[in-house]
PDB file of N, CA and C in Angstrom:
ATOM      1  N   MET A   1      51.200   5.720 107.535  1.00  0.00           N
ATOM      2  CA  MET A   1      51.824   4.973 108.592  1.00  0.00           C
ATOM      3  C   MET A   1      52.890   5.817 109.301  1.00  0.00           C
ATOM      4  N   ARG A   2      53.689   6.585 108.531  1.00  0.00           N
ATOM      5  CA  ARG A   2      54.702   7.448 109.124  1.00  0.00           C
ATOM      6  C   ARG A   2      54.067   8.519 109.990  1.00  0.00           C
ATOM      7  N   ALA A   3      52.934   9.054 109.547  1.00  0.00           N
ATOM      8  CA  ALA A   3      52.239  10.084 110.316  1.00  0.00           C
ATOM      9  C   ALA A   3      51.776   9.527 111.660  1.00  0.00           C
ATOM     10  N   MET A   4      51.297   8.289 111.663  1.00  0.00           N
ATOM     11  CA  MET A   4      50.845   7.654 112.900  1.00  0.00           C
ATOM     12  C   MET A   4      52.009   7.467 113.873  1.00  0.00           C
ATOM     13  N   ARG A   5      53.164   7.091 113.343  1.00  0.00           N
ATOM     14  CA  ARG A   5      54.350   6.910 114.199  1.00  0.00           C
ATOM     15  C   ARG A   5      54.785   8.243 114.806  1.00  0.00           C
ATOM     16  N   ARG A   6      54.735   9.302 113.983  1.00  0.00           N
ATOM     17  CA  ARG A   6      55.100  10.623 114.495  1.00  0.00           C
ATOM     18  C   ARG A   6      54.136  11.078 115.581  1.00  0.00           C
ATOM     19  N   ILE A   7      52.861  10.849 115.366  1.00  0.00           N
ATOM     20  CA  ILE A   7      51.859  11.227 116.371  1.00  0.00           C
ATOM     21  C   ILE A   7      52.092  10.441 117.653  1.00  0.00           C
ATOM     22  N   ALA A   8      52.339   9.149 117.523  1.00  0.00           N
ATOM     23  CA  ALA A   8      52.585   8.309 118.706  1.00  0.00           C
ATOM     24  C   ALA A   8      53.848   8.767 119.434  1.00  0.00           C
ATOM     25  N   ALA A   9      54.897   9.081 118.695  1.00  0.00           N
ATOM     26  CA  ALA A   9      56.142   9.538 119.308  1.00  0.00           C
ATOM     27  C   ALA A   9      55.940  10.874 120.013  1.00  0.00           C
ATOM     28  N   THR A  10      55.198  11.776 119.388  1.00  0.00           N
ATOM     29  CA  THR A  10      54.926  13.075 119.997  1.00  0.00           C
ATOM     30  C   THR A  10      54.093  12.911 121.258  1.00  0.00           C
ATOM     31  N   ALA A  11      53.079  12.071 121.204  1.00  0.00           N
ATOM     32  CA  ALA A  11      52.226  11.835 122.372  1.00  0.00           C
ATOM     33  C   ALA A  11      53.039  11.240 123.518  1.00  0.00           C
ATOM     34  N   THR A  12      53.914  10.313 123.209  1.00  0.00           N
ATOM     35  CA  THR A  12      54.758   9.711 124.239  1.00  0.00           C
ATOM     36  C   THR A  12      55.667  10.754 124.865  1.00  0.00           C
ATOM     37  N   ALA A  13      56.264  11.609 124.046  1.00  0.00           N
ATOM     38  CA  ALA A  13      57.152  12.656 124.559  1.00  0.00           C
ATOM     39  C   ALA A  13      56.385  13.625 125.458  1.00  0.00           C
ATOM     40  N   VAL A  14      55.188  14.011 125.056  1.00  0.00           N
ATOM     41  CA  VAL A  14      54.379  14.942 125.848  1.00  0.00           C
ATOM     42  C   VAL A  14      54.005  14.308 127.186  1.00  0.00           C
ATOM     43  N   LEU A  15      53.565  13.057 127.165  1.00  0.00           N
ATOM     44  CA  LEU A  15      53.179  12.387 128.406  1.00  0.00           C
ATOM     45  C   LEU A  15      54.370  12.207 129.336  1.00  0.00           C
ATOM     46  N   THR A  16      55.526  11.919 128.785  1.00  0.00           N
ATOM     47  CA  THR A  16      56.732  11.793 129.596  1.00  0.00           C
ATOM     48  C   THR A  16      57.080  13.117 130.248  1.00  0.00           C
ATOM     49  N   LEU A  17      57.008  14.201 129.479  1.00  0.00           N
ATOM     50  CA  LEU A  17      57.302  15.526 130.002  1.00  0.00           C
ATOM     51  C   LEU A  17      56.303  15.926 131.086  1.00  0.00           C
ATOM     52  N   VAL A  18      55.019  15.679 130.861  1.00  0.00           N
ATOM     53  CA  VAL A  18      53.993  16.012 131.842  1.00  0.00           C
ATOM     54  C   VAL A  18      54.221  15.210 133.123  1.00  0.00           C
ATOM     55  N   GLY A  19      54.525  13.921 132.987  1.00  0.00           N
ATOM     56  CA  GLY A  19      54.786  13.083 134.158  1.00  0.00           C
ATOM     57  C   GLY A  19      55.994  13.562 134.932  1.00  0.00           C
ATOM     58  N   ALA A  20      57.045  13.949 134.233  1.00  0.00           N
ATOM     59  CA  ALA A  20      58.254  14.439 134.899  1.00  0.00           C
ATOM     60  C   ALA A  20      57.971  15.738 135.634  1.00  0.00           C
ATOM     61  N   CYS A  21      57.225  16.630 135.022  1.00  0.00           N
ATOM     62  CA  CYS A  21      56.887  17.900 135.668  1.00  0.00           C
ATOM     63  C   CYS A  21      56.007  17.674 136.894  1.00  0.00           C
ATOM     64  N   ALA A  22      55.065  16.750 136.796  1.00  0.00           N
ATOM     65  CA  ALA A  22      54.203  16.444 137.937  1.00  0.00           C
ATOM     66  C   ALA A  22      55.029  15.885 139.082  1.00  0.00           C
ATOM     67  N   GLY A  23      55.998  15.033 138.779  1.00  0.00           N
ATOM     68  CA  GLY A  23      56.863  14.468 139.813  1.00  0.00           C
ATOM     69  C   GLY A  23      57.694  15.535 140.481  1.00  0.00           C
ATOM     70  N   VAL A  24      58.217  16.463 139.720  1.00  0.00           N
ATOM     71  CA  VAL A  24      59.009  17.550 140.282  1.00  0.00           C
ATOM     72  C   VAL A  24      58.130  18.441 141.145  1.00  0.00           C
ATOM     73  N   ALA A  25      56.929  18.740 140.682  1.00  0.00           N
ATOM     74  CA  ALA A  25      56.024  19.590 141.443  1.00  0.00           C
ATOM     75  C   ALA A  25      55.656  18.923 142.759  1.00  0.00           C
ATOM     76  N   PHE A  26      55.399  17.606 142.743  1.00  0.00           N
ATOM     77  CA  PHE A  26      55.055  16.908 143.969  1.00  0.00           C
ATOM     78  C   PHE A  26      56.237  16.915 144.926  1.00  0.00           C
ATOM     79  N   ALA A  27      57.429  16.632 144.403  1.00  0.00           N
ATOM     80  CA  ALA A  27      58.621  16.586 145.247  1.00  0.00           C
ATOM     81  C   ALA A  27      58.877  17.942 145.902  1.00  0.00           C
ATOM     82  N   ALA A  28      58.607  19.013 145.182  1.00  0.00           N
ATOM     83  CA  ALA A  28      58.865  20.340 145.716  1.00  0.00           C
ATOM     84  C   ALA A  28      57.954  20.654 146.903  1.00  0.00           C
ATOM     85  N   ARG A  29      56.785  20.012 146.990  1.00  0.00           N
ATOM     86  CA  ARG A  29      55.847  20.272 148.070  1.00  0.00           C
ATOM     87  C   ARG A  29      56.085  19.375 149.284  1.00  0.00           C
ATOM     88  N   VAL A  30      56.947  18.370 149.176  1.00  0.00           N
ATOM     89  CA  VAL A  30      57.184  17.447 150.282  1.00  0.00           C
ATOM     90  C   VAL A  30      58.166  18.080 151.252  1.00  0.00           C
ATOM     91  N   PRO A  31      57.701  18.445 152.455  1.00  0.00           N
ATOM     92  CA  PRO A  31      58.627  19.031 153.417  1.00  0.00           C
ATOM     93  C   PRO A  31      59.351  17.935 154.213  1.00  0.00           C
ATOM     94  N   LEU A  32      60.655  17.836 154.043  1.00  0.00           N
ATOM     95  CA  LEU A  32      61.482  16.927 154.824  1.00  0.00           C
ATOM     96  C   LEU A  32      62.066  17.753 155.957  1.00  0.00           C
ATOM     97  N   VAL A  33      61.941  17.264 157.186  1.00  0.00           N
ATOM     98  CA  VAL A  33      62.360  18.035 158.356  1.00  0.00           C
ATOM     99  C   VAL A  33      63.353  17.224 159.176  1.00  0.00           C
ATOM    100  N   ALA A  34      64.427  17.866 159.590  1.00  0.00           N
ATOM    101  CA  ALA A  34      65.381  17.277 160.527  1.00  0.00           C
ATOM    102  C   ALA A  34      65.311  18.092 161.808  1.00  0.00           C
ATOM    103  N   SER A  35      65.062  17.406 162.932  1.00  0.00           N
ATOM    104  CA  SER A  35      64.906  18.127 164.179  1.00  0.00           C
ATOM    105  C   SER A  35      65.563  17.339 165.312  1.00  0.00           C
ATOM    106  N   PRO A  36      66.237  17.970 166.214  1.00  0.00           N
ATOM    107  CA  PRO A  36      66.465  19.405 166.294  1.00  0.00           C
ATOM    108  C   PRO A  36      67.401  19.885 165.194  1.00  0.00           C
ATOM    109  N   GLY A  37      67.489  21.166 165.036  1.00  0.00           N
ATOM    110  CA  GLY A  37      68.318  21.737 163.990  1.00  0.00           C
ATOM    111  C   GLY A  37      69.811  21.661 164.275  1.00  0.00           C
ATOM    112  N   THR A  38      70.161  21.465 165.545  1.00  0.00           N
ATOM    113  CA  THR A  38      71.566  21.359 165.943  1.00  0.00           C
ATOM    114  C   THR A  38      71.711  20.223 166.951  1.00  0.00           C
ATOM    115  N   VAL A  39      72.709  19.352 166.731  1.00  0.00           N
ATOM    116  CA  VAL A  39      72.978  18.240 167.639  1.00  0.00           C
ATOM    117  C   VAL A  39      74.485  18.145 167.896  1.00  0.00           C
ATOM    118  N   SER A  40      74.829  17.437 168.940  1.00  0.00           N
ATOM    119  CA  SER A  40      76.228  17.131 169.233  1.00  0.00           C
ATOM    120  C   SER A  40      76.597  15.839 168.520  1.00  0.00           C
ATOM    121  N   PRO A  41      77.881  15.606 168.255  1.00  0.00           N
ATOM    122  CA  PRO A  41      78.280  14.312 167.697  1.00  0.00           C
ATOM    123  C   PRO A  41      77.769  13.190 168.611  1.00  0.00           C
ATOM    124  N   GLY A  42      77.186  12.157 168.021  1.00  0.00           N
ATOM    125  CA  GLY A  42      76.591  11.070 168.789  1.00  0.00           C
ATOM    126  C   GLY A  42      75.176  11.348 169.245  1.00  0.00           C
ATOM    127  N   GLY A  43      74.662  12.540 168.928  1.00  0.00           N
ATOM    128  CA  GLY A  43      73.303  12.920 169.325  1.00  0.00           C
ATOM    129  C   GLY A  43      72.254  12.309 168.415  1.00  0.00           C
ATOM    130  N   VAL A  44      70.998  12.568 168.736  1.00  0.00           N
ATOM    131  CA  VAL A  44      69.862  12.021 167.992  1.00  0.00           C
ATOM    132  C   VAL A  44      69.163  13.119 167.199  1.00  0.00           C
ATOM    133  N   VAL A  45      68.863  12.817 165.956  1.00  0.00           N
ATOM    134  CA  VAL A  45      68.073  13.702 165.109  1.00  0.00           C
ATOM    135  C   VAL A  45      66.893  12.889 164.584  1.00  0.00           C
ATOM    136  N   ILE A  46      65.743  13.513 164.475  1.00  0.00           N
ATOM    137  CA  ILE A  46      64.557  12.867 163.929  1.00  0.00           C
ATOM    138  C   ILE A  46      64.288  13.477 162.562  1.00  0.00           C
ATOM    139  N   VAL A  47      64.236  12.616 161.543  1.00  0.00           N
ATOM    140  CA  VAL A  47      63.970  13.066 160.175  1.00  0.00           C
ATOM    141  C   VAL A  47      62.563  12.598 159.833  1.00  0.00           C
ATOM    142  N   SER A  48      61.729  13.533 159.384  1.00  0.00           N
ATOM    143  CA  SER A  48      60.334  13.185 159.142  1.00  0.00           C
ATOM    144  C   SER A  48      59.756  13.934 157.950  1.00  0.00           C
ATOM    145  N   ALA A  49      58.659  13.377 157.457  1.00  0.00           N
ATOM    146  CA  ALA A  49      57.850  14.015 156.413  1.00  0.00           C
ATOM    147  C   ALA A  49      56.406  13.646 156.696  1.00  0.00           C
ATOM    148  N   ARG A  50      55.498  14.573 156.520  1.00  0.00           N
ATOM    149  CA  ARG A  50      54.081  14.319 156.805  1.00  0.00           C
ATOM    150  C   ARG A  50      53.376  13.613 155.665  1.00  0.00           C
ATOM    151  N   PHE A  51      53.902  13.744 154.446  1.00  0.00           N
ATOM    152  CA  PHE A  51      53.332  13.046 153.295  1.00  0.00           C
ATOM    153  C   PHE A  51      54.395  12.939 152.225  1.00  0.00           C
ATOM    154  N   THR A  52      54.388  11.826 151.499  1.00  0.00           N
ATOM    155  CA  THR A  52      55.309  11.616 150.380  1.00  0.00           C
ATOM    156  C   THR A  52      54.601  10.742 149.356  1.00  0.00           C
ATOM    157  N   ALA A  53      55.284  10.447 148.277  1.00  0.00           N
ATOM    158  CA  ALA A  53      54.754   9.539 147.260  1.00  0.00           C
ATOM    159  C   ALA A  53      55.066   8.078 147.598  1.00  0.00           C
ATOM    160  N   CYS A  54      55.706   7.829 148.742  1.00  0.00           N
ATOM    161  CA  CYS A  54      56.046   6.461 149.145  1.00  0.00           C
ATOM    162  C   CYS A  54      54.789   5.688 149.530  1.00  0.00           C
ATOM    163  N   HIS A  55      54.785   4.398 149.247  1.00  0.00           N
ATOM    164  CA  HIS A  55      53.638   3.544 149.565  1.00  0.00           C
ATOM    165  C   HIS A  55      53.639   3.152 151.036  1.00  0.00           C
ATOM    166  N   VAL A  56      52.449   3.065 151.617  1.00  0.00           N
ATOM    167  CA  VAL A  56      52.290   2.648 153.002  1.00  0.00           C
ATOM    168  C   VAL A  56      52.956   1.288 153.206  1.00  0.00           C
ATOM    169  N   GLY A  57      53.738   1.169 154.270  1.00  0.00           N
ATOM    170  CA  GLY A  57      54.408  -0.086 154.589  1.00  0.00           C
ATOM    171  C   GLY A  57      55.736  -0.291 153.887  1.00  0.00           C
ATOM    172  N   SER A  58      56.078   0.587 152.938  1.00  0.00           N
ATOM    173  CA  SER A  58      57.356   0.436 152.242  1.00  0.00           C
ATOM    174  C   SER A  58      58.484   1.005 153.112  1.00  0.00           C
ATOM    175  N   VAL A  59      59.688   0.875 152.621  1.00  0.00           N
ATOM    176  CA  VAL A  59      60.861   1.355 153.352  1.00  0.00           C
ATOM    177  C   VAL A  59      61.332   2.675 152.751  1.00  0.00           C
ATOM    178  N   VAL A  60      61.587   3.650 153.608  1.00  0.00           N
ATOM    179  CA  VAL A  60      62.204   4.905 153.188  1.00  0.00           C
ATOM    180  C   VAL A  60      63.663   4.834 153.633  1.00  0.00           C
ATOM    181  N   THR A  61      64.558   5.220 152.753  1.00  0.00           N
ATOM    182  CA  THR A  61      65.985   5.242 153.059  1.00  0.00           C
ATOM    183  C   THR A  61      66.436   6.688 153.153  1.00  0.00           C
ATOM    184  N   LEU A  62      66.978   7.039 154.314  1.00  0.00           N
ATOM    185  CA  LEU A  62      67.495   8.382 154.542  1.00  0.00           C
ATOM    186  C   LEU A  62      69.001   8.346 154.367  1.00  0.00           C
ATOM    187  N   LEU A  63      69.528   9.314 153.623  1.00  0.00           N
ATOM    188  CA  LEU A  63      70.951   9.344 153.294  1.00  0.00           C
ATOM    189  C   LEU A  63      71.613  10.602 153.838  1.00  0.00           C
ATOM    190  N   SER A  64      72.732  10.414 154.526  1.00  0.00           N
ATOM    191  CA  SER A  64      73.499  11.549 155.017  1.00  0.00           C
ATOM    192  C   SER A  64      74.898  11.077 155.398  1.00  0.00           C
ATOM    193  N   ALA A  65      75.872  11.922 155.178  1.00  0.00           N
ATOM    194  CA  ALA A  65      77.236  11.613 155.605  1.00  0.00           C
ATOM    195  C   ALA A  65      77.321  11.528 157.123  1.00  0.00           C
ATOM    196  N   ALA A  66      76.333  12.057 157.834  1.00  0.00           N
ATOM    197  CA  ALA A  66      76.325  12.029 159.292  1.00  0.00           C
ATOM    198  C   ALA A  66      75.798  10.710 159.852  1.00  0.00           C
ATOM    199  N   PHE A  67      75.173   9.885 159.013  1.00  0.00           N
ATOM    200  CA  PHE A  67      74.522   8.668 159.492  1.00  0.00           C
ATOM    201  C   PHE A  67      75.458   7.467 159.445  1.00  0.00           C
ATOM    202  N   PRO A  68      75.215   6.499 160.340  1.00  0.00           N
ATOM    203  CA  PRO A  68      75.942   5.235 160.246  1.00  0.00           C
ATOM    204  C   PRO A  68      75.393   4.440 159.057  1.00  0.00           C
ATOM    205  N   GLY A  69      75.921   3.258 158.831  1.00  0.00           N
ATOM    206  CA  GLY A  69      75.453   2.459 157.702  1.00  0.00           C
ATOM    207  C   GLY A  69      76.164   2.890 156.444  1.00  0.00           C
ATOM    208  N   HIS A  70      75.905   2.169 155.368  1.00  0.00           N
ATOM    209  CA  HIS A  70      76.593   2.502 154.119  1.00  0.00           C
ATOM    210  C   HIS A  70      75.801   1.947 152.934  1.00  0.00           C
ATOM    211  N   ALA A  71      75.393   2.823 152.079  1.00  0.00           N
ATOM    212  CA  ALA A  71      74.754   2.470 150.803  1.00  0.00           C
ATOM    213  C   ALA A  71      74.787   3.727 149.941  1.00  0.00           C
ATOM    214  N   PHE A  72      74.767   3.550 148.657  1.00  0.00           N
ATOM    215  CA  PHE A  72      74.775   4.677 147.723  1.00  0.00           C
ATOM    216  C   PHE A  72      75.985   5.578 147.948  1.00  0.00           C
ATOM    217  N   GLY A  73      77.067   5.039 148.530  1.00  0.00           N
ATOM    218  CA  GLY A  73      78.277   5.809 148.752  1.00  0.00           C
ATOM    219  C   GLY A  73      78.210   6.789 149.907  1.00  0.00           C
ATOM    220  N   ILE A  74      77.230   6.619 150.801  1.00  0.00           N
ATOM    221  CA  ILE A  74      77.041   7.554 151.921  1.00  0.00           C
ATOM    222  C   ILE A  74      76.353   6.790 153.056  1.00  0.00           C
ATOM    223  N   GLY A  75      76.309   7.372 154.251  1.00  0.00           N
ATOM    224  CA  GLY A  75      75.619   6.730 155.368  1.00  0.00           C
ATOM    225  C   GLY A  75      74.116   6.689 155.142  1.00  0.00           C
ATOM    226  N   THR A  76      73.477   5.602 155.563  1.00  0.00           N
ATOM    227  CA  THR A  76      72.030   5.464 155.370  1.00  0.00           C
ATOM    228  C   THR A  76      71.369   4.866 156.594  1.00  0.00           C
ATOM    229  N   VAL A  77      70.092   5.176 156.752  1.00  0.00           N
ATOM    230  CA  VAL A  77      69.244   4.603 157.783  1.00  0.00           C
ATOM    231  C   VAL A  77      67.882   4.362 157.132  1.00  0.00           C
ATOM    232  N   ASP A  78      67.261   3.235 157.452  1.00  0.00           N
ATOM    233  CA  ASP A  78      65.948   2.907 156.895  1.00  0.00           C
ATOM    234  C   ASP A  78      64.851   3.105 157.930  1.00  0.00           C
ATOM    235  N   GLY A  79      63.650   3.400 157.434  1.00  0.00           N
ATOM    236  CA  GLY A  79      62.467   3.531 158.279  1.00  0.00           C
ATOM    237  C   GLY A  79      61.244   3.045 157.533  1.00  0.00           C
ATOM    238  N   ARG A  80      60.146   2.868 158.231  1.00  0.00           N
ATOM    239  CA  ARG A  80      58.887   2.423 157.633  1.00  0.00           C
ATOM    240  C   ARG A  80      57.999   3.607 157.288  1.00  0.00           C
ATOM    241  N   VAL A  81      57.277   3.460 156.209  1.00  0.00           N
ATOM    242  CA  VAL A  81      56.363   4.504 155.732  1.00  0.00           C
ATOM    243  C   VAL A  81      54.966   4.197 156.262  1.00  0.00           C
ATOM    244  N   GLY A  82      54.322   5.222 156.799  1.00  0.00           N
ATOM    245  CA  GLY A  82      52.970   5.087 157.326  1.00  0.00           C
ATOM    246  C   GLY A  82      51.944   5.661 156.359  1.00  0.00           C
ATOM    247  N   SER A  83      50.767   5.975 156.889  1.00  0.00           N
ATOM    248  CA  SER A  83      49.682   6.489 156.059  1.00  0.00           C
ATOM    249  C   SER A  83      50.071   7.808 155.403  1.00  0.00           C
ATOM    250  N   HIS A  84      49.564   8.032 154.215  1.00  0.00           N
ATOM    251  CA  HIS A  84      49.844   9.219 153.397  1.00  0.00           C
ATOM    252  C   HIS A  84      51.328   9.348 153.051  1.00  0.00           C
ATOM    253  N   GLY A  85      52.080   8.255 153.184  1.00  0.00           N
ATOM    254  CA  GLY A  85      53.502   8.295 152.884  1.00  0.00           C
ATOM    255  C   GLY A  85      54.326   8.956 153.973  1.00  0.00           C
ATOM    256  N   ALA A  86      53.727   9.179 155.145  1.00  0.00           N
ATOM    257  CA  ALA A  86      54.422   9.846 156.240  1.00  0.00           C
ATOM    258  C   ALA A  86      55.452   8.912 156.881  1.00  0.00           C
ATOM    259  N   PHE A  87      56.503   9.510 157.415  1.00  0.00           N
ATOM    260  CA  PHE A  87      57.476   8.738 158.181  1.00  0.00           C
ATOM    261  C   PHE A  87      58.168   9.641 159.185  1.00  0.00           C
ATOM    262  N   SER A  88      58.693   9.022 160.218  1.00  0.00           N
ATOM    263  CA  SER A  88      59.488   9.707 161.234  1.00  0.00           C
ATOM    264  C   SER A  88      60.530   8.707 161.699  1.00  0.00           C
ATOM    265  N   VAL A  89      61.790   9.022 161.441  1.00  0.00           N
ATOM    266  CA  VAL A  89      62.881   8.096 161.725  1.00  0.00           C
ATOM    267  C   VAL A  89      63.848   8.749 162.706  1.00  0.00           C
ATOM    268  N   ARG A  90      64.082   8.070 163.800  1.00  0.00           N
ATOM    269  CA  ARG A  90      65.016   8.538 164.842  1.00  0.00           C
ATOM    270  C   ARG A  90      66.394   7.979 164.515  1.00  0.00           C
ATOM    271  N   VAL A  91      67.387   8.866 164.403  1.00  0.00           N
ATOM    272  CA  VAL A  91      68.729   8.461 163.988  1.00  0.00           C
ATOM    273  C   VAL A  91      69.768   9.013 164.967  1.00  0.00           C
ATOM    274  N   ARG A  92      70.663   8.150 165.407  1.00  0.00           N
ATOM    275  CA  ARG A  92      71.810   8.611 166.197  1.00  0.00           C
ATOM    276  C   ARG A  92      72.945   8.887 165.216  1.00  0.00           C
ATOM    277  N   VAL A  93      73.391  10.141 165.161  1.00  0.00           N
ATOM    278  CA  VAL A  93      74.455  10.505 164.225  1.00  0.00           C
ATOM    279  C   VAL A  93      75.780   9.946 164.737  1.00  0.00           C
ATOM    280  N   ARG A  94      76.742   9.817 163.832  1.00  0.00           N
ATOM    281  CA  ARG A  94      78.046   9.253 164.196  1.00  0.00           C
ATOM    282  C   ARG A  94      78.746  10.112 165.249  1.00  0.00           C
ATOM    283  N   LYS A  95      79.471   9.459 166.130  1.00  0.00           N
ATOM    284  CA  LYS A  95      80.147  10.159 167.236  1.00  0.00           C
ATOM    285  C   LYS A  95      81.326  11.014 166.788  1.00  0.00           C
ATOM    286  N   GLY A  96      82.021  10.604 165.757  1.00  0.00           N
ATOM    287  CA  GLY A  96      83.226  11.315 165.347  1.00  0.00           C
ATOM    288  C   GLY A  96      83.004  12.419 164.329  1.00  0.00           C
ATOM    289  N   LEU A  97      81.802  12.949 164.238  1.00  0.00           N
ATOM    290  CA  LEU A  97      81.514  13.977 163.227  1.00  0.00           C
ATOM    291  C   LEU A  97      82.207  15.295 163.520  1.00  0.00           C
ATOM    292  N   LYS A  98      82.675  15.909 162.458  1.00  0.00           N
ATOM    293  CA  LYS A  98      83.227  17.255 162.562  1.00  0.00           C
ATOM    294  C   LYS A  98      82.071  18.244 162.623  1.00  0.00           C
ATOM    295  N   PRO A  99      82.253  19.360 163.313  1.00  0.00           N
ATOM    296  CA  PRO A  99      81.205  20.380 163.314  1.00  0.00           C
ATOM    297  C   PRO A  99      80.929  20.849 161.887  1.00  0.00           C
ATOM    298  N   GLY A 100      79.667  21.124 161.605  1.00  0.00           N
ATOM    299  CA  GLY A 100      79.282  21.609 160.286  1.00  0.00           C
ATOM    300  C   GLY A 100      77.824  21.349 159.990  1.00  0.00           C
ATOM    301  N   ARG A 101      77.448  21.671 158.783  1.00  0.00           N
ATOM    302  CA  ARG A 101      76.076  21.513 158.302  1.00  0.00           C
ATOM    303  C   ARG A 101      76.008  20.223 157.492  1.00  0.00           C
ATOM    304  N   TYR A 102      75.015  19.368 157.799  1.00  0.00           N
ATOM    305  CA  TYR A 102      74.877  18.080 157.136  1.00  0.00           C
ATOM    306  C   TYR A 102      73.544  17.988 156.398  1.00  0.00           C
ATOM    307  N   HIS A 103      73.605  17.436 155.211  1.00  0.00           N
ATOM    308  CA  HIS A 103      72.459  17.243 154.315  1.00  0.00           C
ATOM    309  C   HIS A 103      71.820  15.885 154.575  1.00  0.00           C
ATOM    310  N   VAL A 104      70.487  15.824 154.468  1.00  0.00           N
ATOM    311  CA  VAL A 104      69.748  14.563 154.513  1.00  0.00           C
ATOM    312  C   VAL A 104      68.892  14.491 153.261  1.00  0.00           C
ATOM    313  N   GLY A 105      68.958  13.371 152.555  1.00  0.00           N
ATOM    314  CA  GLY A 105      68.096  13.108 151.405  1.00  0.00           C
ATOM    315  C   GLY A 105      67.242  11.882 151.704  1.00  0.00           C
ATOM    316  N   ALA A 106      66.285  11.591 150.846  1.00  0.00           N
ATOM    317  CA  ALA A 106      65.389  10.450 151.076  1.00  0.00           C
ATOM    318  C   ALA A 106      65.081   9.739 149.771  1.00  0.00           C
ATOM    319  N   ARG A 107      64.966   8.400 149.865  1.00  0.00           N
ATOM    320  CA  ARG A 107      64.611   7.541 148.725  1.00  0.00           C
ATOM    321  C   ARG A 107      63.545   6.550 149.166  1.00  0.00           C
ATOM    322  N   CYS A 108      62.696   6.173 148.234  1.00  0.00           N
ATOM    323  CA  CYS A 108      61.784   5.057 148.465  1.00  0.00           C
ATOM    324  C   CYS A 108      61.349   4.513 147.114  1.00  0.00           C
ATOM    325  N   GLY A 109      60.967   3.267 147.100  1.00  0.00           N
ATOM    326  CA  GLY A 109      60.484   2.656 145.856  1.00  0.00           C
ATOM    327  C   GLY A 109      61.501   2.665 144.742  1.00  0.00           C
ATOM    328  N   GLY A 110      62.778   2.704 145.073  1.00  0.00           N
ATOM    329  CA  GLY A 110      63.815   2.690 144.050  1.00  0.00           C
ATOM    330  C   GLY A 110      64.151   4.041 143.464  1.00  0.00           C
ATOM    331  N   GLY A 111      63.524   5.115 143.982  1.00  0.00           N
ATOM    332  CA  GLY A 111      63.798   6.438 143.424  1.00  0.00           C
ATOM    333  C   GLY A 111      64.056   7.483 144.490  1.00  0.00           C
ATOM    334  N   ASN A 112      64.733   8.530 144.094  1.00  0.00           N
ATOM    335  CA  ASN A 112      65.036   9.647 144.961  1.00  0.00           C
ATOM    336  C   ASN A 112      63.791  10.519 145.097  1.00  0.00           C
ATOM    337  N   LEU A 113      63.446  10.919 146.320  1.00  0.00           N
ATOM    338  CA  LEU A 113      62.276  11.790 146.514  1.00  0.00           C
ATOM    339  C   LEU A 113      62.553  13.222 146.078  1.00  0.00           C
ATOM    340  N   GLY A 114      63.808  13.575 145.904  1.00  0.00           N
ATOM    341  CA  GLY A 114      64.128  14.924 145.446  1.00  0.00           C
ATOM    342  C   GLY A 114      63.919  15.989 146.496  1.00  0.00           C
ATOM    343  N   VAL A 115      64.020  15.602 147.778  1.00  0.00           N
ATOM    344  CA  VAL A 115      63.841  16.552 148.874  1.00  0.00           C
ATOM    345  C   VAL A 115      65.080  16.545 149.757  1.00  0.00           C
ATOM    346  N   SER A 116      65.283  17.616 150.510  1.00  0.00           N
ATOM    347  CA  SER A 116      66.437  17.725 151.385  1.00  0.00           C
ATOM    348  C   SER A 116      66.044  18.371 152.704  1.00  0.00           C
ATOM    349  N   ALA A 117      66.792  18.014 153.725  1.00  0.00           N
ATOM    350  CA  ALA A 117      66.718  18.687 155.026  1.00  0.00           C
ATOM    351  C   ALA A 117      68.167  18.854 155.473  1.00  0.00           C
ATOM    352  N   TYR A 118      68.381  19.763 156.396  1.00  0.00           N
ATOM    353  CA  TYR A 118      69.727  20.015 156.888  1.00  0.00           C
ATOM    354  C   TYR A 118      69.687  20.135 158.414  1.00  0.00           C
ATOM    355  N   PHE A 119      70.793  19.767 159.041  1.00  0.00           N
ATOM    356  CA  PHE A 119      70.966  20.004 160.454  1.00  0.00           C
ATOM    357  C   PHE A 119      72.445  20.289 160.708  1.00  0.00           C
ATOM    358  N   ARG A 120      72.735  20.877 161.850  1.00  0.00           N
ATOM    359  CA  ARG A 120      74.110  21.228 162.193  1.00  0.00           C
ATOM    360  C   ARG A 120      74.618  20.323 163.300  1.00  0.00           C
ATOM    361  N   VAL A 121      75.897  20.038 163.224  1.00  0.00           N
ATOM    362  CA  VAL A 121      76.595  19.346 164.309  1.00  0.00           C
ATOM    363  C   VAL A 121      77.532  20.375 164.910  1.00  0.00           C
ATOM    364  N   ARG A 122      77.467  20.547 166.226  1.00  0.00           N
ATOM    365  CA  ARG A 122      78.310  21.572 166.883  1.00  0.00           C
ATOM    366  C   ARG A 122      79.599  20.980 167.404  1.00  0.00           C
TER     367      ARG A 122
END
């Protein structure tokens, strides 16, 4: 009986590790793009991905200190996910932003996609 428990525990650990590695590998291939690469305060940036693990019709949440809104301790904007998990969200950045480089992250389905894009505010 102890041997069976050890085998089950080992199998569970291996499957968890394989699943985690697969998730990381998938996330690494998801290109998140912010365009244009440079905007003025109050300007518009489009954040997009051609494919993700997000389900069609679900909501993708984009996070950045440059965005209006507030969730997860940072500015957020939501968008809809299309086929193949693709999305394109048009965002007007805050008017009072200081010049600099700003990070954008993405979440859907309750989890972080593990991808980033950057744009500059002049």
